[in-house]
Protein backbone atom coordinates (compact mmCIF):
# COMPACT_ATOMS: atom_id res chain seq x y z
CA MET A 1 132.41 104.12 6.10
CA THR A 2 135.82 103.06 4.92
CA LYS A 3 136.64 99.85 3.10
CA GLU A 4 138.25 98.54 6.29
CA GLN A 5 134.99 99.08 8.17
CA LEU A 6 133.03 97.38 5.38
CA ALA A 7 135.33 94.35 5.21
CA PRO A 8 133.74 92.40 8.12
CA TRP A 9 130.27 93.08 6.73
CA LEU A 10 131.32 91.87 3.30
CA GLU A 11 132.64 88.66 4.86
CA LYS A 12 129.34 88.13 6.70
CA LEU A 13 127.32 88.74 3.53
CA ASN A 14 129.46 86.46 1.38
CA GLY A 15 129.19 83.67 3.94
CA ALA A 16 125.46 84.06 4.53
CA GLU A 17 122.58 82.52 2.67
CA LYS A 18 120.64 84.79 0.37
CA LYS A 19 117.61 84.96 2.70
CA ASP A 20 119.77 86.21 5.59
CA ARG A 21 121.53 89.02 3.71
CA LYS A 22 118.87 91.66 4.23
CA GLY A 23 119.02 91.14 7.99
CA ILE A 24 122.78 91.57 7.97
CA VAL A 25 122.49 94.85 6.04
CA VAL A 26 119.79 96.08 8.44
CA GLU A 27 122.09 95.30 11.36
CA MET A 28 124.91 97.18 9.63
CA CYS A 29 122.61 100.19 9.13
CA ARG A 30 121.62 100.25 12.81
CA GLU A 31 125.20 100.09 14.03
CA ASN A 32 126.45 102.77 11.64
CA SER A 33 123.39 105.05 11.36
CA LEU A 34 122.93 104.42 7.64
CA LYS A 35 119.94 104.17 5.36
CA ILE A 36 119.37 100.85 3.60
CA ASP A 37 119.94 102.26 0.10
CA GLU A 38 123.18 103.92 1.19
CA ALA A 39 124.40 100.69 2.73
CA TRP A 40 123.66 98.63 -0.40
CA ASN A 41 125.42 101.22 -2.56
CA MET A 42 128.47 101.20 -0.28
CA LEU A 43 128.61 97.42 -0.35
CA LYS A 44 128.25 97.40 -4.11
CA ASP A 45 131.04 99.95 -4.48
CA ALA A 46 133.23 97.87 -2.15
CA GLY A 47 132.86 94.84 -4.42
CA PHE A 48 129.80 92.96 -3.17
CA LYS A 49 127.95 91.54 -6.15
CA LEU A 50 124.18 91.59 -5.97
CA LYS A 51 122.63 88.79 -7.96
CA ASP A 52 120.38 89.85 -10.78
CA ALA A 53 116.72 89.24 -9.95
CA ALA A 54 116.30 87.47 -13.29
CA GLU A 55 118.67 84.72 -12.11
CA ASP A 56 116.29 83.75 -9.32
CA LYS A 57 113.24 83.35 -11.55
CA PRO A 58 112.51 79.93 -13.00
CA LYS A 59 113.60 79.45 -16.56
CA VAL A 60 110.71 79.91 -18.95
CA ASP A 61 112.29 77.94 -21.74
CA GLU A 62 112.76 74.83 -19.59
CA LEU A 63 112.03 71.69 -21.59
CA LYS A 64 108.53 70.29 -21.06
CA VAL A 65 107.06 66.97 -22.11
CA SER A 66 103.47 65.85 -22.50
CA VAL A 67 102.36 63.00 -20.25
CA THR A 68 99.03 61.42 -19.44
CA LEU A 69 98.42 61.28 -15.69
CA ARG A 70 95.79 60.15 -13.23
CA HIS A 71 95.80 59.38 -9.51
CA LYS A 72 94.82 56.16 -7.77
CA THR A 73 93.42 57.51 -4.49
CA ASP A 74 89.79 57.37 -3.36
CA TYR A 75 89.53 61.16 -3.43
CA PRO A 76 88.23 63.11 -6.45
CA LYS A 77 91.34 65.35 -6.62
CA TYR A 78 94.99 64.79 -5.72
CA ARG A 79 97.71 67.47 -5.63
CA ARG A 80 101.23 66.61 -6.66
CA ALA A 81 104.17 68.48 -8.24
CA GLY A 82 102.12 71.63 -8.82
CA PHE A 83 99.20 69.84 -10.47
CA VAL A 84 95.71 68.91 -9.37
CA LEU A 85 95.19 65.42 -10.74
CA SER A 86 91.87 63.68 -11.21
CA GLN A 87 91.02 59.99 -11.35
CA LYS A 88 90.33 60.35 -15.07
CA PRO A 89 93.47 60.32 -17.28
CA GLU A 90 94.40 63.78 -18.60
CA ILE A 91 97.33 65.18 -20.56
CA TYR A 92 99.72 67.56 -18.74
CA GLU A 93 102.80 69.52 -19.80
CA VAL A 94 105.46 68.77 -17.18
CA THR A 95 109.12 69.65 -16.65
CA GLU A 96 111.77 67.03 -15.97
CA ALA A 97 111.78 67.88 -12.24
CA GLN A 98 108.00 67.56 -12.02
CA LEU A 99 108.11 64.26 -13.91
CA ALA A 100 110.66 62.89 -11.46
CA ALA A 101 108.42 63.86 -8.51
CA LEU A 102 105.40 62.28 -10.19
CA LYS A 103 107.28 59.04 -10.90
CA ALA A 104 108.35 58.84 -7.25
CA ASP A 105 104.73 59.05 -6.03
CA SER A 106 103.06 55.63 -5.84
CA TRP A 107 99.58 57.23 -6.00
CA VAL A 108 100.23 58.76 -9.40
CA GLU A 109 99.85 56.66 -12.53
CA ILE A 110 101.71 57.69 -15.66
CA ILE A 111 99.93 56.23 -18.67
CA GLU A 112 102.08 55.37 -21.67
CA GLN A 113 100.74 56.66 -24.96
């Protein structure tokens, strides 16, 4: 394929969400009788930048804080923000995003230390 033939596909890929890109490349392969690996290499050579897989992973060194949490429901366990809370206060290591979700939930009690 020439760069002129790849241009419309590059436009589609650049305008698409990340989850839709594989489908676009599969469609390109069907229309042009290409293999997936060949298509990705052609797109890469034509200037399409594939994001590094490490960019999509959550940051390990994200700042965490210790908080004491419990829930106020009648159930023995309560799930919120990736945690399984009990009615008994316990200490958890939470990120800022998790803390914001926990503060927004009226069933979760954050106990000041």
